N, C-alpha and C. Protein backbone atom coordinates (compact mmCIF):
# COMPACT_ATOMS: atom_id res chain seq x y z
N MET A 1 98.69 -70.33 104.59
CA MET A 1 99.07 -70.33 105.98
C MET A 1 98.71 -71.70 106.57
N ALA A 2 99.70 -72.37 107.07
CA ALA A 2 99.52 -73.73 107.59
C ALA A 2 98.59 -73.76 108.79
N GLU A 3 98.65 -72.74 109.64
CA GLU A 3 97.83 -72.73 110.84
C GLU A 3 96.35 -72.69 110.49
N LEU A 4 95.96 -71.83 109.54
CA LEU A 4 94.57 -71.78 109.12
C LEU A 4 94.12 -73.09 108.50
N ALA A 5 95.00 -73.72 107.73
CA ALA A 5 94.66 -75.00 107.13
C ALA A 5 94.42 -76.06 108.20
N THR A 6 95.22 -76.02 109.24
CA THR A 6 95.07 -76.97 110.34
C THR A 6 93.78 -76.72 111.11
N ILE A 7 93.45 -75.46 111.31
CA ILE A 7 92.21 -75.11 112.00
C ILE A 7 91.00 -75.48 111.15
N ALA A 8 91.08 -75.25 109.86
CA ALA A 8 89.94 -75.44 108.96
C ALA A 8 89.63 -76.91 108.68
N ARG A 9 90.63 -77.77 108.71
CA ARG A 9 90.44 -79.17 108.31
C ARG A 9 89.33 -79.89 109.08
N PRO A 10 89.31 -79.84 110.43
CA PRO A 10 88.24 -80.57 111.12
C PRO A 10 86.85 -80.00 110.83
N TYR A 11 86.75 -78.69 110.64
CA TYR A 11 85.46 -78.09 110.31
C TYR A 11 84.99 -78.56 108.92
N ALA A 12 85.89 -78.54 107.95
CA ALA A 12 85.54 -78.97 106.60
C ALA A 12 85.16 -80.45 106.58
N ASP A 13 85.93 -81.28 107.29
CA ASP A 13 85.63 -82.71 107.36
C ASP A 13 84.26 -82.96 107.99
N ALA A 14 84.00 -82.32 109.11
CA ALA A 14 82.72 -82.52 109.80
C ALA A 14 81.55 -82.04 108.96
N LEU A 15 81.72 -80.91 108.31
CA LEU A 15 80.66 -80.39 107.45
C LEU A 15 80.43 -81.30 106.26
N PHE A 16 81.50 -81.83 105.70
CA PHE A 16 81.39 -82.74 104.56
C PHE A 16 80.64 -84.01 104.95
N LYS A 17 80.97 -84.56 106.11
CA LYS A 17 80.30 -85.79 106.57
C LYS A 17 78.84 -85.54 106.94
N ALA A 18 78.55 -84.38 107.49
CA ALA A 18 77.18 -84.07 107.93
C ALA A 18 76.27 -83.69 106.77
N GLN A 19 76.82 -83.15 105.69
CA GLN A 19 76.00 -82.63 104.60
C GLN A 19 76.11 -83.45 103.33
N THR A 20 76.36 -84.74 103.41
CA THR A 20 76.56 -85.55 102.21
C THR A 20 75.34 -85.59 101.31
N ALA A 21 74.15 -85.31 101.83
CA ALA A 21 72.95 -85.35 101.00
C ALA A 21 72.89 -84.18 100.01
N ASP A 22 73.45 -83.04 100.38
CA ASP A 22 73.36 -81.86 99.53
C ASP A 22 74.71 -81.13 99.49
N LEU A 23 75.70 -81.75 98.88
CA LEU A 23 77.04 -81.15 98.84
C LEU A 23 77.07 -79.87 98.02
N ALA A 24 76.34 -79.85 96.90
CA ALA A 24 76.36 -78.66 96.05
C ALA A 24 75.72 -77.47 96.76
N GLY A 25 74.61 -77.70 97.43
CA GLY A 25 73.95 -76.62 98.17
C GLY A 25 74.81 -76.12 99.32
N THR A 26 75.45 -77.06 100.01
CA THR A 26 76.33 -76.69 101.12
C THR A 26 77.51 -75.88 100.61
N ALA A 27 78.08 -76.31 99.48
CA ALA A 27 79.21 -75.57 98.91
C ALA A 27 78.79 -74.15 98.53
N ALA A 28 77.58 -73.98 98.05
CA ALA A 28 77.10 -72.66 97.64
C ALA A 28 76.99 -71.72 98.84
N TRP A 29 76.32 -72.17 99.91
CA TRP A 29 76.20 -71.26 101.05
C TRP A 29 77.51 -71.09 101.80
N LEU A 30 78.36 -72.11 101.78
CA LEU A 30 79.66 -71.98 102.44
C LEU A 30 80.56 -71.00 101.69
N ASP A 31 80.51 -71.02 100.36
CA ASP A 31 81.28 -70.05 99.57
C ASP A 31 80.78 -68.63 99.82
N GLU A 32 79.47 -68.49 99.96
CA GLU A 32 78.92 -67.17 100.22
C GLU A 32 79.35 -66.66 101.60
N LEU A 33 79.30 -67.53 102.60
CA LEU A 33 79.77 -67.14 103.94
C LEU A 33 81.26 -66.81 103.93
N ALA A 34 82.04 -67.58 103.18
CA ALA A 34 83.47 -67.34 103.10
C ALA A 34 83.77 -65.99 102.46
N ALA A 35 83.00 -65.65 101.44
CA ALA A 35 83.19 -64.35 100.77
C ALA A 35 82.90 -63.20 101.73
N VAL A 36 81.85 -63.34 102.50
CA VAL A 36 81.50 -62.30 103.48
C VAL A 36 82.55 -62.24 104.58
N ALA A 37 82.99 -63.40 105.06
CA ALA A 37 83.95 -63.45 106.16
C ALA A 37 85.35 -63.00 105.76
N SER A 38 85.62 -62.89 104.48
CA SER A 38 86.95 -62.44 104.05
C SER A 38 87.08 -60.92 104.11
N ASN A 39 86.02 -60.22 104.45
CA ASN A 39 86.04 -58.77 104.56
C ASN A 39 86.78 -58.37 105.84
N SER A 40 87.81 -57.58 105.71
CA SER A 40 88.63 -57.21 106.86
C SER A 40 87.87 -56.35 107.87
N GLN A 41 86.94 -55.52 107.41
CA GLN A 41 86.16 -54.69 108.33
C GLN A 41 85.22 -55.56 109.17
N LEU A 42 84.66 -56.60 108.56
CA LEU A 42 83.80 -57.51 109.30
C LEU A 42 84.60 -58.25 110.37
N LEU A 43 85.79 -58.70 110.00
CA LEU A 43 86.64 -59.40 110.97
C LEU A 43 87.01 -58.49 112.13
N GLN A 44 87.31 -57.25 111.82
CA GLN A 44 87.64 -56.28 112.86
C GLN A 44 86.43 -56.05 113.76
N PHE A 45 85.25 -55.92 113.17
CA PHE A 45 84.01 -55.75 113.94
C PHE A 45 83.78 -56.94 114.86
N SER A 46 83.97 -58.16 114.33
CA SER A 46 83.70 -59.36 115.12
C SER A 46 84.68 -59.54 116.28
N GLU A 47 85.87 -58.98 116.16
CA GLU A 47 86.88 -59.10 117.22
C GLU A 47 86.73 -58.05 118.31
N ASN A 48 85.84 -57.09 118.11
CA ASN A 48 85.61 -56.04 119.10
C ASN A 48 84.96 -56.67 120.33
N PRO A 49 85.54 -56.48 121.51
CA PRO A 49 85.00 -57.11 122.72
C PRO A 49 83.61 -56.59 123.12
N LYS A 50 83.22 -55.43 122.62
CA LYS A 50 81.91 -54.87 122.95
C LYS A 50 80.80 -55.44 122.08
N VAL A 51 81.16 -56.16 121.03
CA VAL A 51 80.19 -56.72 120.10
C VAL A 51 79.88 -58.15 120.50
N THR A 52 78.60 -58.46 120.57
CA THR A 52 78.19 -59.81 120.95
C THR A 52 78.18 -60.74 119.73
N ASP A 53 78.19 -62.04 120.01
CA ASP A 53 78.12 -63.03 118.93
C ASP A 53 76.82 -62.89 118.15
N ALA A 54 75.74 -62.56 118.84
CA ALA A 54 74.44 -62.39 118.18
C ALA A 54 74.48 -61.22 117.20
N GLN A 55 75.17 -60.14 117.55
CA GLN A 55 75.28 -58.99 116.66
C GLN A 55 76.07 -59.35 115.41
N VAL A 56 77.14 -60.11 115.58
CA VAL A 56 77.95 -60.55 114.43
C VAL A 56 77.11 -61.46 113.53
N PHE A 57 76.37 -62.39 114.14
CA PHE A 57 75.51 -63.29 113.37
C PHE A 57 74.47 -62.50 112.58
N GLU A 58 73.82 -61.54 113.21
CA GLU A 58 72.79 -60.74 112.53
C GLU A 58 73.40 -59.94 111.38
N LEU A 59 74.60 -59.40 111.58
CA LEU A 59 75.25 -58.64 110.52
C LEU A 59 75.55 -59.53 109.32
N ILE A 60 76.13 -60.68 109.55
CA ILE A 60 76.48 -61.58 108.46
C ILE A 60 75.22 -62.11 107.78
N SER A 61 74.21 -62.47 108.55
CA SER A 61 72.95 -62.95 107.99
C SER A 61 72.29 -61.89 107.13
N GLY A 62 72.43 -60.64 107.52
CA GLY A 62 71.85 -59.55 106.74
C GLY A 62 72.61 -59.26 105.46
N VAL A 63 73.88 -59.60 105.42
CA VAL A 63 74.71 -59.30 104.26
C VAL A 63 74.59 -60.38 103.17
N VAL A 64 74.42 -61.64 103.57
CA VAL A 64 74.35 -62.71 102.57
C VAL A 64 73.13 -62.50 101.68
N LYS A 65 73.27 -62.89 100.42
CA LYS A 65 72.23 -62.64 99.42
C LYS A 65 71.00 -63.51 99.63
N ASN A 66 71.21 -64.77 99.95
CA ASN A 66 70.10 -65.72 100.10
C ASN A 66 69.85 -66.01 101.57
N THR A 67 68.65 -66.46 101.86
CA THR A 67 68.33 -66.88 103.22
C THR A 67 69.12 -68.15 103.53
N LEU A 68 69.77 -68.16 104.66
CA LEU A 68 70.59 -69.30 105.04
C LEU A 68 69.73 -70.44 105.58
N PRO A 69 69.99 -71.67 105.12
CA PRO A 69 69.27 -72.81 105.69
C PRO A 69 69.70 -73.03 107.15
N ALA A 70 68.96 -73.88 107.85
CA ALA A 70 69.23 -74.12 109.27
C ALA A 70 70.66 -74.61 109.50
N ALA A 71 71.13 -75.50 108.64
CA ALA A 71 72.50 -76.02 108.81
C ALA A 71 73.52 -74.89 108.67
N ALA A 72 73.29 -73.98 107.74
CA ALA A 72 74.21 -72.86 107.55
C ALA A 72 74.19 -71.93 108.74
N GLN A 73 73.00 -71.69 109.27
CA GLN A 73 72.88 -70.82 110.45
C GLN A 73 73.61 -71.44 111.65
N ASN A 74 73.43 -72.73 111.85
CA ASN A 74 74.11 -73.42 112.95
C ASN A 74 75.62 -73.38 112.77
N PHE A 75 76.07 -73.62 111.54
CA PHE A 75 77.51 -73.60 111.27
C PHE A 75 78.08 -72.20 111.50
N LEU A 76 77.36 -71.19 111.04
CA LEU A 76 77.82 -69.81 111.23
C LEU A 76 77.89 -69.46 112.71
N ARG A 77 76.89 -69.84 113.47
CA ARG A 77 76.92 -69.58 114.92
C ARG A 77 78.12 -70.26 115.57
N LEU A 78 78.39 -71.50 115.16
CA LEU A 78 79.53 -72.24 115.69
C LEU A 78 80.85 -71.54 115.36
N ALA A 79 80.98 -71.09 114.11
CA ALA A 79 82.20 -70.39 113.70
C ALA A 79 82.39 -69.09 114.47
N ILE A 80 81.30 -68.38 114.70
CA ILE A 80 81.38 -67.12 115.44
C ILE A 80 81.75 -67.38 116.91
N GLU A 81 81.07 -68.34 117.53
CA GLU A 81 81.34 -68.65 118.95
C GLU A 81 82.77 -69.11 119.18
N ASN A 82 83.33 -69.85 118.21
CA ASN A 82 84.69 -70.37 118.36
C ASN A 82 85.74 -69.44 117.75
N HIS A 83 85.33 -68.24 117.36
CA HIS A 83 86.24 -67.24 116.79
C HIS A 83 86.97 -67.79 115.56
N ARG A 84 86.21 -68.41 114.65
CA ARG A 84 86.77 -69.01 113.46
C ARG A 84 86.32 -68.33 112.16
N LEU A 85 85.81 -67.11 112.25
CA LEU A 85 85.40 -66.41 111.03
C LEU A 85 86.57 -66.24 110.07
N VAL A 86 87.75 -66.00 110.61
CA VAL A 86 88.92 -65.81 109.76
C VAL A 86 89.26 -67.08 108.97
N ALA A 87 88.84 -68.23 109.48
CA ALA A 87 89.14 -69.50 108.81
C ALA A 87 88.08 -69.92 107.81
N LEU A 88 86.97 -69.19 107.71
CA LEU A 88 85.90 -69.60 106.80
C LEU A 88 86.33 -69.74 105.34
N PRO A 89 87.13 -68.83 104.78
CA PRO A 89 87.58 -69.04 103.40
C PRO A 89 88.37 -70.34 103.22
N GLU A 90 89.21 -70.68 104.18
CA GLU A 90 89.99 -71.92 104.11
C GLU A 90 89.09 -73.13 104.31
N ILE A 91 88.10 -73.02 105.18
CA ILE A 91 87.14 -74.11 105.38
C ILE A 91 86.41 -74.37 104.07
N ALA A 92 85.97 -73.31 103.41
CA ALA A 92 85.26 -73.45 102.13
C ALA A 92 86.16 -74.09 101.08
N SER A 93 87.41 -73.70 101.05
CA SER A 93 88.36 -74.26 100.09
C SER A 93 88.56 -75.75 100.33
N GLN A 94 88.75 -76.15 101.58
CA GLN A 94 88.95 -77.57 101.89
C GLN A 94 87.67 -78.37 101.66
N PHE A 95 86.52 -77.77 101.92
CA PHE A 95 85.26 -78.46 101.65
C PHE A 95 85.10 -78.72 100.16
N ARG A 96 85.42 -77.70 99.33
CA ARG A 96 85.36 -77.87 97.87
C ARG A 96 86.29 -78.97 97.41
N ALA A 97 87.48 -79.04 98.01
CA ALA A 97 88.44 -80.09 97.64
C ALA A 97 87.88 -81.46 97.98
N LEU A 98 87.25 -81.62 99.14
CA LEU A 98 86.64 -82.90 99.51
C LEU A 98 85.49 -83.25 98.55
N LYS A 99 84.68 -82.25 98.24
CA LYS A 99 83.54 -82.46 97.33
C LYS A 99 84.04 -82.86 95.94
N ASN A 100 85.07 -82.19 95.46
CA ASN A 100 85.62 -82.50 94.15
C ASN A 100 86.25 -83.89 94.13
N ALA A 101 86.94 -84.26 95.19
CA ALA A 101 87.58 -85.58 95.26
C ALA A 101 86.52 -86.68 95.20
N GLN A 102 85.40 -86.46 95.88
CA GLN A 102 84.34 -87.46 95.85
C GLN A 102 83.73 -87.58 94.46
N GLY A 103 83.56 -86.46 93.78
CA GLY A 103 82.93 -86.46 92.46
C GLY A 103 83.91 -86.68 91.32
N GLY A 104 85.19 -86.77 91.60
CA GLY A 104 86.19 -86.96 90.55
C GLY A 104 86.37 -85.73 89.67
N THR A 105 86.12 -84.55 90.24
CA THR A 105 86.26 -83.31 89.48
C THR A 105 87.33 -82.43 90.12
N ALA A 106 87.59 -81.31 89.46
CA ALA A 106 88.53 -80.32 90.00
C ALA A 106 88.05 -78.94 89.58
N ASP A 107 88.41 -77.94 90.36
CA ASP A 107 88.10 -76.55 90.02
C ASP A 107 89.18 -76.02 89.10
N ALA A 108 88.77 -75.36 88.04
CA ALA A 108 89.70 -74.75 87.10
C ALA A 108 89.37 -73.26 86.99
N ILE A 109 90.39 -72.43 87.16
CA ILE A 109 90.20 -70.99 87.00
C ILE A 109 90.92 -70.59 85.72
N VAL A 110 90.15 -70.04 84.80
CA VAL A 110 90.69 -69.58 83.52
C VAL A 110 90.85 -68.07 83.62
N HIS A 111 92.09 -67.62 83.59
CA HIS A 111 92.38 -66.18 83.59
C HIS A 111 92.50 -65.78 82.12
N SER A 112 91.72 -64.78 81.73
CA SER A 112 91.70 -64.34 80.33
C SER A 112 91.81 -62.83 80.28
N ALA A 113 92.41 -62.33 79.22
CA ALA A 113 92.52 -60.89 79.05
C ALA A 113 91.18 -60.28 78.67
N PHE A 114 90.30 -61.08 78.07
CA PHE A 114 89.00 -60.61 77.60
C PHE A 114 87.91 -61.58 78.03
N PRO A 115 86.65 -61.12 78.08
CA PRO A 115 85.55 -62.04 78.39
C PRO A 115 85.47 -63.16 77.34
N ILE A 116 85.09 -64.35 77.80
CA ILE A 116 84.99 -65.51 76.91
C ILE A 116 83.52 -65.84 76.72
N GLU A 117 83.10 -65.97 75.45
CA GLU A 117 81.70 -66.30 75.14
C GLU A 117 81.41 -67.73 75.58
N ALA A 118 80.13 -68.03 75.77
CA ALA A 118 79.71 -69.33 76.29
C ALA A 118 80.15 -70.48 75.39
N ALA A 119 80.01 -70.33 74.07
CA ALA A 119 80.39 -71.40 73.14
C ALA A 119 81.90 -71.64 73.19
N ALA A 120 82.67 -70.57 73.21
CA ALA A 120 84.13 -70.69 73.27
C ALA A 120 84.55 -71.30 74.61
N LEU A 121 83.86 -70.95 75.69
CA LEU A 121 84.18 -71.50 76.99
C LEU A 121 83.88 -73.00 77.04
N ALA A 122 82.79 -73.42 76.40
CA ALA A 122 82.45 -74.84 76.35
C ALA A 122 83.53 -75.62 75.59
N ASP A 123 84.00 -75.07 74.46
CA ASP A 123 85.08 -75.71 73.69
C ASP A 123 86.36 -75.78 74.52
N LEU A 124 86.69 -74.67 75.17
CA LEU A 124 87.89 -74.61 76.00
C LEU A 124 87.80 -75.60 77.14
N SER A 125 86.63 -75.69 77.75
CA SER A 125 86.42 -76.61 78.86
C SER A 125 86.64 -78.06 78.41
N GLY A 126 86.12 -78.43 77.25
CA GLY A 126 86.32 -79.79 76.73
C GLY A 126 87.79 -80.08 76.47
N THR A 127 88.49 -79.12 75.91
CA THR A 127 89.92 -79.29 75.64
C THR A 127 90.71 -79.42 76.94
N LEU A 128 90.37 -78.60 77.93
CA LEU A 128 91.07 -78.66 79.22
C LEU A 128 90.81 -79.96 79.95
N GLU A 129 89.58 -80.48 79.84
CA GLU A 129 89.26 -81.76 80.49
C GLU A 129 90.10 -82.88 79.89
N LYS A 130 90.32 -82.85 78.58
CA LYS A 130 91.19 -83.85 77.94
C LYS A 130 92.64 -83.66 78.39
N ARG A 131 93.07 -82.42 78.47
CA ARG A 131 94.46 -82.10 78.83
C ARG A 131 94.78 -82.52 80.27
N PHE A 132 93.83 -82.23 81.21
CA PHE A 132 94.08 -82.52 82.61
C PHE A 132 93.55 -83.90 83.03
N GLY A 133 92.78 -84.55 82.17
CA GLY A 133 92.33 -85.92 82.42
C GLY A 133 91.28 -86.07 83.49
N ARG A 134 90.48 -85.03 83.70
CA ARG A 134 89.38 -85.13 84.66
C ARG A 134 88.33 -84.07 84.35
N LYS A 135 87.16 -84.24 84.94
CA LYS A 135 86.06 -83.29 84.77
C LYS A 135 86.40 -82.01 85.52
N LEU A 136 86.16 -80.87 84.90
CA LEU A 136 86.54 -79.59 85.50
C LEU A 136 85.33 -78.69 85.73
N ASN A 137 85.34 -77.99 86.84
CA ASN A 137 84.37 -76.93 87.12
C ASN A 137 85.07 -75.63 86.76
N VAL A 138 84.76 -75.09 85.58
CA VAL A 138 85.50 -73.96 85.04
C VAL A 138 84.86 -72.64 85.45
N SER A 139 85.69 -71.72 85.93
CA SER A 139 85.26 -70.34 86.19
C SER A 139 86.26 -69.41 85.50
N VAL A 140 85.80 -68.25 85.10
CA VAL A 140 86.62 -67.31 84.34
C VAL A 140 86.86 -66.06 85.17
N GLU A 141 88.12 -65.61 85.17
CA GLU A 141 88.48 -64.35 85.79
C GLU A 141 89.20 -63.51 84.74
N ILE A 142 88.85 -62.24 84.68
CA ILE A 142 89.45 -61.33 83.71
C ILE A 142 90.73 -60.74 84.30
N ASP A 143 91.82 -60.81 83.51
CA ASP A 143 93.11 -60.26 83.90
C ASP A 143 93.71 -59.58 82.68
N ALA A 144 93.51 -58.28 82.57
CA ALA A 144 93.95 -57.53 81.39
C ALA A 144 95.47 -57.55 81.21
N SER A 145 96.23 -57.82 82.26
CA SER A 145 97.69 -57.82 82.15
C SER A 145 98.21 -58.98 81.29
N LEU A 146 97.35 -59.98 80.99
CA LEU A 146 97.78 -61.11 80.17
C LEU A 146 97.95 -60.73 78.70
N ILE A 147 97.40 -59.61 78.29
CA ILE A 147 97.42 -59.08 76.94
C ILE A 147 96.56 -59.91 75.99
N GLY A 148 96.71 -61.20 76.00
CA GLY A 148 95.93 -62.12 75.16
C GLY A 148 96.17 -63.54 75.62
N GLY A 149 95.39 -64.49 75.12
CA GLY A 149 95.54 -65.88 75.52
C GLY A 149 94.91 -66.14 76.87
N VAL A 150 95.20 -67.31 77.44
CA VAL A 150 94.63 -67.68 78.73
C VAL A 150 95.70 -68.29 79.63
N ARG A 151 95.41 -68.23 80.91
CA ARG A 151 96.23 -68.88 81.94
C ARG A 151 95.26 -69.71 82.77
N VAL A 152 95.46 -71.02 82.80
CA VAL A 152 94.54 -71.93 83.48
C VAL A 152 95.22 -72.50 84.72
N VAL A 153 94.50 -72.44 85.86
CA VAL A 153 95.01 -72.98 87.11
C VAL A 153 94.05 -74.07 87.58
N VAL A 154 94.57 -75.30 87.68
CA VAL A 154 93.81 -76.44 88.18
C VAL A 154 94.60 -77.01 89.35
N GLY A 155 94.12 -76.71 90.56
CA GLY A 155 94.86 -77.16 91.75
C GLY A 155 96.23 -76.51 91.77
N ASP A 156 97.28 -77.34 91.73
CA ASP A 156 98.64 -76.81 91.71
C ASP A 156 99.26 -76.85 90.32
N GLU A 157 98.46 -77.19 89.31
CA GLU A 157 98.94 -77.22 87.93
C GLU A 157 98.55 -75.93 87.22
N VAL A 158 99.47 -75.39 86.41
CA VAL A 158 99.22 -74.16 85.68
C VAL A 158 99.57 -74.37 84.22
N LEU A 159 98.65 -73.97 83.35
CA LEU A 159 98.87 -74.00 81.91
C LEU A 159 98.78 -72.56 81.45
N ASP A 160 99.91 -71.98 81.07
CA ASP A 160 99.95 -70.56 80.72
C ASP A 160 100.26 -70.39 79.25
N THR A 161 99.26 -70.02 78.47
CA THR A 161 99.44 -69.77 77.03
C THR A 161 99.20 -68.30 76.72
N SER A 162 99.40 -67.44 77.71
CA SER A 162 99.14 -66.02 77.53
C SER A 162 100.28 -65.34 76.77
N VAL A 163 99.97 -64.22 76.18
CA VAL A 163 100.96 -63.42 75.48
C VAL A 163 102.01 -62.92 76.47
N LYS A 164 101.57 -62.57 77.65
CA LYS A 164 102.48 -62.09 78.69
C LYS A 164 103.54 -63.15 79.01
N ALA A 165 103.12 -64.40 79.16
CA ALA A 165 104.07 -65.48 79.46
C ALA A 165 105.04 -65.70 78.31
N ARG A 166 104.53 -65.65 77.10
CA ARG A 166 105.42 -65.82 75.93
C ARG A 166 106.43 -64.70 75.84
N LEU A 167 106.02 -63.46 76.12
CA LEU A 167 106.96 -62.34 76.10
C LEU A 167 108.03 -62.50 77.19
N GLU A 168 107.62 -62.99 78.35
CA GLU A 168 108.59 -63.22 79.42
C GLU A 168 109.57 -64.32 79.05
N GLN A 169 109.09 -65.37 78.37
CA GLN A 169 109.99 -66.44 77.90
C GLN A 169 110.98 -65.90 76.88
N MET A 170 110.49 -65.06 75.96
CA MET A 170 111.37 -64.46 74.96
C MET A 170 112.41 -63.56 75.61
N LYS A 171 112.00 -62.79 76.61
CA LYS A 171 112.91 -61.90 77.32
C LYS A 171 114.00 -62.73 78.02
N ALA A 172 113.61 -63.82 78.66
CA ALA A 172 114.58 -64.67 79.35
C ALA A 172 115.55 -65.28 78.36
N ALA A 173 115.06 -65.70 77.19
CA ALA A 173 115.91 -66.31 76.18
C ALA A 173 116.90 -65.30 75.62
N LEU A 174 116.44 -64.08 75.42
CA LEU A 174 117.31 -63.06 74.82
C LEU A 174 118.36 -62.53 75.80
N THR A 175 118.05 -62.53 77.08
CA THR A 175 119.00 -62.02 78.07
C THR A 175 119.92 -63.10 78.61
N ALA A 176 119.68 -64.35 78.25
CA ALA A 176 120.50 -65.45 78.77
C ALA A 176 121.80 -65.57 78.02
């Protein structure tokens, strides 16, 4: 959604410039806040006119796993006061993109039909870094519909070596 991206950009930029000393820590608490803020029931609760900003802050603070540092608390209060909870996932995404651009890395999501062992993931990560030509922050998501193989998403690039993709290619070739 372009509107959320437009709303999120100044927040991500300001947070990136203010937190340059600890980008990894900031990304961690921002991702956690984004995960909490993506809950539709929380968003509905926060939009209730009878609920105060302090009540929303206390609810979110109680839900997060770790104690929020002062910067995170201030940022959360700002997002709540400006009614930007809905934009937190996009803010986190844009912040990660800025952090990755500075470090010369990219986020890679490996979709696999089965769990990947640590040694196999390290080998796969090395191969993917050569293929995409940059350092990757690899995370794994299980998707049983792939049947076998992997589907890798790095930014807007996709490398699909799954059985499901091969079957779809065969189907297209046979019906053409």
